[in-house]
C-alpha cells in the first residue's frame, strides 16, 4: 500500500467513526424510549387487570332468576288463610 491509499483509508475510517459517534446517542435514545414504552404498556395492562379483578370482587352475586320475586297467588292465599286463623283464635 502506498501513502495515498493509507491516507484514504484513514480518512474513510475517521469519517465512519464520526458518523457512528453522531448517530450513537440517537440510536441509544430510540432503544431507551422503546424500553420505557414497553414498561408503560405492561404497567397499564397490570393496572387494568387489577381493576377488573377488583370489579369482579365487588360485584354482587348473580341472582338465579331474572324474574321479579312477587309471590304467586297460591302463596298469597295461603298467607291470608294463616293470618285469619291467628286472628280468630
N, C-alpha and C. Protein backbone atom coordinates (compact mmCIF):
# COMPACT_ATOMS: atom_id res chain seq x y z
N UNK A 1 0.85 -1.18 0.00
CA UNK A 1 0.00 0.00 0.00
C UNK A 1 0.89 1.24 0.00
N UNK A 2 0.53 2.17 -0.79
CA UNK A 2 1.31 3.40 -0.77
C UNK A 2 0.67 4.42 0.17
N UNK A 3 1.28 5.52 0.36
CA UNK A 3 0.83 6.52 1.34
C UNK A 3 -0.51 7.13 0.98
N UNK A 4 -0.82 7.25 -0.30
CA UNK A 4 -2.12 7.81 -0.70
C UNK A 4 -3.27 6.88 -0.29
N UNK A 5 -3.04 5.59 -0.46
CA UNK A 5 -4.08 4.63 -0.09
C UNK A 5 -4.27 4.59 1.44
N UNK A 6 -3.19 4.68 2.16
CA UNK A 6 -3.26 4.67 3.63
C UNK A 6 -3.98 5.92 4.13
N UNK A 7 -3.65 7.06 3.51
CA UNK A 7 -4.34 8.29 3.92
C UNK A 7 -5.83 8.22 3.58
N UNK A 8 -6.18 7.63 2.46
CA UNK A 8 -7.59 7.47 2.08
C UNK A 8 -8.31 6.55 3.07
N UNK A 9 -7.65 5.47 3.45
CA UNK A 9 -8.23 4.54 4.43
C UNK A 9 -8.43 5.21 5.78
N UNK A 10 -7.44 5.99 6.22
CA UNK A 10 -7.55 6.71 7.49
C UNK A 10 -8.69 7.73 7.42
N UNK A 11 -8.81 8.44 6.31
CA UNK A 11 -9.90 9.41 6.14
C UNK A 11 -11.26 8.73 6.15
N UNK A 12 -11.35 7.56 5.48
CA UNK A 12 -12.60 6.80 5.45
C UNK A 12 -12.98 6.33 6.85
N UNK A 13 -12.01 5.79 7.58
CA UNK A 13 -12.28 5.31 8.95
C UNK A 13 -12.64 6.47 9.88
N UNK A 14 -11.98 7.61 9.72
CA UNK A 14 -12.29 8.77 10.54
C UNK A 14 -13.71 9.27 10.26
N UNK A 15 -14.09 9.31 8.99
CA UNK A 15 -15.45 9.74 8.62
C UNK A 15 -16.49 8.76 9.18
N UNK A 16 -16.21 7.48 9.03
CA UNK A 16 -17.13 6.46 9.56
C UNK A 16 -17.23 6.56 11.09
N UNK A 17 -16.10 6.79 11.75
CA UNK A 17 -16.09 6.93 13.22
C UNK A 17 -16.90 8.14 13.67
N UNK A 18 -16.77 9.27 12.96
CA UNK A 18 -17.57 10.46 13.30
C UNK A 18 -19.06 10.21 13.09
N UNK A 19 -19.38 9.50 12.00
CA UNK A 19 -20.79 9.17 11.74
C UNK A 19 -21.37 8.33 12.88
N UNK A 20 -20.60 7.35 13.31
CA UNK A 20 -21.05 6.49 14.42
C UNK A 20 -21.21 7.31 15.70
N UNK A 21 -20.25 8.18 15.99
CA UNK A 21 -20.33 9.00 17.20
C UNK A 21 -21.53 9.94 17.17
N UNK A 22 -21.89 10.43 15.99
CA UNK A 22 -23.04 11.33 15.88
C UNK A 22 -24.36 10.57 15.95
N UNK A 23 -24.41 9.36 15.41
CA UNK A 23 -25.65 8.60 15.36
C UNK A 23 -25.89 7.78 16.63
N UNK A 24 -24.85 7.49 17.38
CA UNK A 24 -24.97 6.63 18.56
C UNK A 24 -25.93 7.18 19.62
N UNK A 25 -25.86 8.46 20.00
CA UNK A 25 -26.79 8.95 21.02
C UNK A 25 -28.26 8.84 20.57
N UNK A 26 -28.49 9.09 19.30
CA UNK A 26 -29.86 8.97 18.78
C UNK A 26 -30.34 7.52 18.85
N UNK A 27 -29.50 6.59 18.44
CA UNK A 27 -29.86 5.17 18.46
C UNK A 27 -30.10 4.71 19.89
N UNK A 28 -29.25 5.14 20.80
CA UNK A 28 -29.45 4.77 22.21
C UNK A 28 -30.75 5.35 22.76
N UNK A 29 -31.08 6.57 22.34
CA UNK A 29 -32.34 7.19 22.78
C UNK A 29 -33.55 6.43 22.28
N UNK A 30 -33.50 5.96 21.04
CA UNK A 30 -34.61 5.18 20.49
C UNK A 30 -34.78 3.88 21.26
N UNK A 31 -33.68 3.21 21.54
CA UNK A 31 -33.73 1.95 22.30
C UNK A 31 -34.30 2.21 23.69
N UNK A 32 -33.88 3.29 24.32
CA UNK A 32 -34.37 3.63 25.67
C UNK A 32 -35.86 3.94 25.64
N UNK A 33 -36.31 4.71 24.63
CA UNK A 33 -37.73 5.03 24.51
C UNK A 33 -38.58 3.77 24.31
N UNK A 34 -38.10 2.86 23.50
CA UNK A 34 -38.82 1.60 23.28
C UNK A 34 -38.96 0.82 24.59
N UNK A 35 -37.88 0.79 25.37
CA UNK A 35 -37.93 0.07 26.65
C UNK A 35 -38.93 0.72 27.59
N UNK A 36 -38.93 2.05 27.64
CA UNK A 36 -39.87 2.77 28.51
C UNK A 36 -41.30 2.54 28.05
N UNK A 37 -41.54 2.55 26.73
CA UNK A 37 -42.87 2.29 26.21
C UNK A 37 -43.36 0.90 26.60
N UNK A 38 -42.48 -0.09 26.54
CA UNK A 38 -42.86 -1.45 26.96
C UNK A 38 -43.23 -1.48 28.43
N UNK A 39 -42.46 -0.77 29.26
CA UNK A 39 -42.76 -0.74 30.70
C UNK A 39 -44.10 -0.07 30.96
N UNK A 40 -44.37 1.01 30.24
CA UNK A 40 -45.66 1.72 30.43
C UNK A 40 -46.82 0.83 30.00
N UNK A 41 -46.67 0.14 28.85
CA UNK A 41 -47.74 -0.75 28.40
C UNK A 41 -47.98 -1.87 29.40
N UNK A 42 -46.89 -2.43 29.94
CA UNK A 42 -47.03 -3.51 30.92
C UNK A 42 -47.71 -3.01 32.19
N UNK A 43 -47.34 -1.80 32.64
CA UNK A 43 -47.96 -1.24 33.85
C UNK A 43 -49.44 -0.96 33.62
N UNK A 44 -49.80 -0.44 32.46
CA UNK A 44 -51.22 -0.20 32.16
C UNK A 44 -51.99 -1.50 32.13
N UNK A 45 -51.41 -2.52 31.50
CA UNK A 45 -52.09 -3.81 31.42
C UNK A 45 -52.29 -4.39 32.82
N UNK A 46 -51.27 -4.31 33.67
CA UNK A 46 -51.40 -4.82 35.04
C UNK A 46 -52.42 -4.01 35.82
N UNK A 47 -52.46 -2.69 35.60
CA UNK A 47 -53.42 -1.84 36.29
C UNK A 47 -54.84 -2.19 35.86
N UNK A 48 -55.04 -2.41 34.56
CA UNK A 48 -56.37 -2.79 34.06
C UNK A 48 -56.76 -4.16 34.60
N UNK A 49 -55.82 -5.09 34.64
CA UNK A 49 -56.11 -6.42 35.19
C UNK A 49 -56.50 -6.30 36.66
N UNK A 50 -55.80 -5.47 37.42
CA UNK A 50 -56.09 -5.27 38.83
C UNK A 50 -57.48 -4.65 39.00
N UNK A 51 -57.80 -3.65 38.17
CA UNK A 51 -59.11 -3.01 38.26
C UNK A 51 -60.23 -3.99 37.93
N UNK A 52 -60.05 -4.80 36.90
CA UNK A 52 -61.09 -5.76 36.54
C UNK A 52 -61.24 -6.82 37.62
N UNK A 53 -60.13 -7.23 38.26
CA UNK A 53 -60.21 -8.20 39.34
C UNK A 53 -60.97 -7.61 40.53
N UNK A 54 -60.68 -6.35 40.87
CA UNK A 54 -61.39 -5.71 41.98
C UNK A 54 -62.86 -5.50 41.65
N UNK A 55 -63.18 -5.20 40.40
CA UNK A 55 -64.57 -5.03 39.99
C UNK A 55 -65.32 -6.36 40.12
N UNK A 56 -64.66 -7.45 39.77
CA UNK A 56 -65.29 -8.76 39.93
C UNK A 56 -65.53 -9.09 41.40
N UNK A 57 -64.58 -8.70 42.26
CA UNK A 57 -64.75 -8.97 43.69
C UNK A 57 -65.90 -8.15 44.27
N UNK A 58 -66.07 -6.90 43.78
CA UNK A 58 -67.12 -6.03 44.29
C UNK A 58 -68.49 -6.39 43.75
N UNK A 59 -68.53 -7.12 42.66
CA UNK A 59 -69.79 -7.44 42.01
C UNK A 59 -70.65 -8.32 42.93
N UNK A 60 -71.95 -7.98 43.00
CA UNK A 60 -72.86 -8.77 43.82
C UNK A 60 -73.09 -10.12 43.14
N UNK A 61 -73.39 -11.14 43.94
CA UNK A 61 -73.66 -12.44 43.34
C UNK A 61 -74.88 -12.35 42.43
N UNK A 62 -74.82 -13.06 41.33
CA UNK A 62 -75.90 -13.01 40.36
C UNK A 62 -77.09 -13.81 40.87
N UNK A 63 -78.28 -13.25 40.70
CA UNK A 63 -79.49 -13.95 41.14
C UNK A 63 -79.74 -15.11 40.20
N UNK A 64 -80.41 -16.14 40.72
CA UNK A 64 -80.65 -17.32 39.91
C UNK A 64 -81.71 -17.06 38.85
N UNK A 65 -82.57 -16.11 39.07
CA UNK A 65 -83.62 -15.83 38.09
C UNK A 65 -83.69 -14.33 37.85
N UNK A 66 -84.00 -13.96 36.62
CA UNK A 66 -84.11 -12.54 36.32
C UNK A 66 -85.54 -12.05 36.55
N UNK A 67 -86.46 -12.95 36.84
CA UNK A 67 -87.85 -12.56 37.09
C UNK A 67 -87.97 -11.92 38.47
N UNK A 68 -88.99 -11.09 38.62
CA UNK A 68 -89.21 -10.45 39.91
C UNK A 68 -89.64 -11.49 40.93
N UNK A 69 -89.50 -11.16 42.19
CA UNK A 69 -89.81 -12.11 43.26
C UNK A 69 -91.17 -11.82 43.88
N UNK A 70 -92.14 -11.51 43.04
CA UNK A 70 -93.51 -11.28 43.54
C UNK A 70 -94.10 -12.65 43.89
N UNK A 71 -94.74 -12.78 45.06
CA UNK A 71 -95.28 -14.08 45.44
C UNK A 71 -96.43 -14.49 44.51
N UNK A 72 -96.57 -15.78 44.34
CA UNK A 72 -97.64 -16.29 43.49
C UNK A 72 -98.98 -16.17 44.21
N UNK A 73 -100.04 -16.39 43.46
CA UNK A 73 -101.40 -16.30 44.02
C UNK A 73 -101.60 -17.34 45.12
N UNK A 74 -101.07 -18.54 44.91
CA UNK A 74 -101.24 -19.61 45.90
C UNK A 74 -100.56 -19.22 47.22
N UNK A 75 -99.39 -18.64 47.16
CA UNK A 75 -98.68 -18.21 48.36
C UNK A 75 -99.46 -17.11 49.07
N UNK A 76 -99.96 -16.16 48.29
CA UNK A 76 -100.72 -15.06 48.87
C UNK A 76 -101.98 -15.57 49.56
N UNK A 77 -102.66 -16.53 48.93
CA UNK A 77 -103.89 -17.09 49.50
C UNK A 77 -103.59 -17.85 50.80
N UNK A 78 -102.52 -18.64 50.80
CA UNK A 78 -102.17 -19.41 51.98
C UNK A 78 -101.76 -18.48 53.12
N UNK A 79 -101.03 -17.42 52.83
CA UNK A 79 -100.65 -16.47 53.87
C UNK A 79 -101.88 -15.79 54.45
N UNK A 80 -102.83 -15.47 53.61
CA UNK A 80 -104.07 -14.85 54.07
C UNK A 80 -104.85 -15.78 54.99
N UNK A 81 -104.92 -17.05 54.65
CA UNK A 81 -105.64 -18.03 55.48
C UNK A 81 -104.96 -18.20 56.83
N UNK A 82 -103.62 -18.21 56.84
CA UNK A 82 -102.90 -18.37 58.11
C UNK A 82 -103.16 -17.18 59.02
N UNK A 83 -103.14 -15.97 58.46
CA UNK A 83 -103.32 -14.80 59.28
C UNK A 83 -104.74 -14.74 59.85
N UNK A 84 -105.73 -15.22 59.10
CA UNK A 84 -107.10 -15.25 59.60
C UNK A 84 -107.23 -16.22 60.76
N UNK A 85 -106.53 -17.35 60.66
CA UNK A 85 -106.59 -18.33 61.76
C UNK A 85 -106.00 -17.73 63.01
N UNK A 86 -104.90 -16.99 62.89
CA UNK A 86 -104.29 -16.42 64.05
C UNK A 86 -105.17 -15.36 64.71
N UNK A 87 -105.88 -14.61 63.90
CA UNK A 87 -106.74 -13.54 64.42
C UNK A 87 -107.96 -14.15 65.12
N UNK A 88 -108.55 -15.18 64.53
CA UNK A 88 -109.78 -15.73 65.10
C UNK A 88 -109.55 -16.54 66.35
N UNK A 89 -108.38 -17.02 66.59
CA UNK A 89 -108.17 -17.87 67.77
C UNK A 89 -107.86 -17.10 69.01
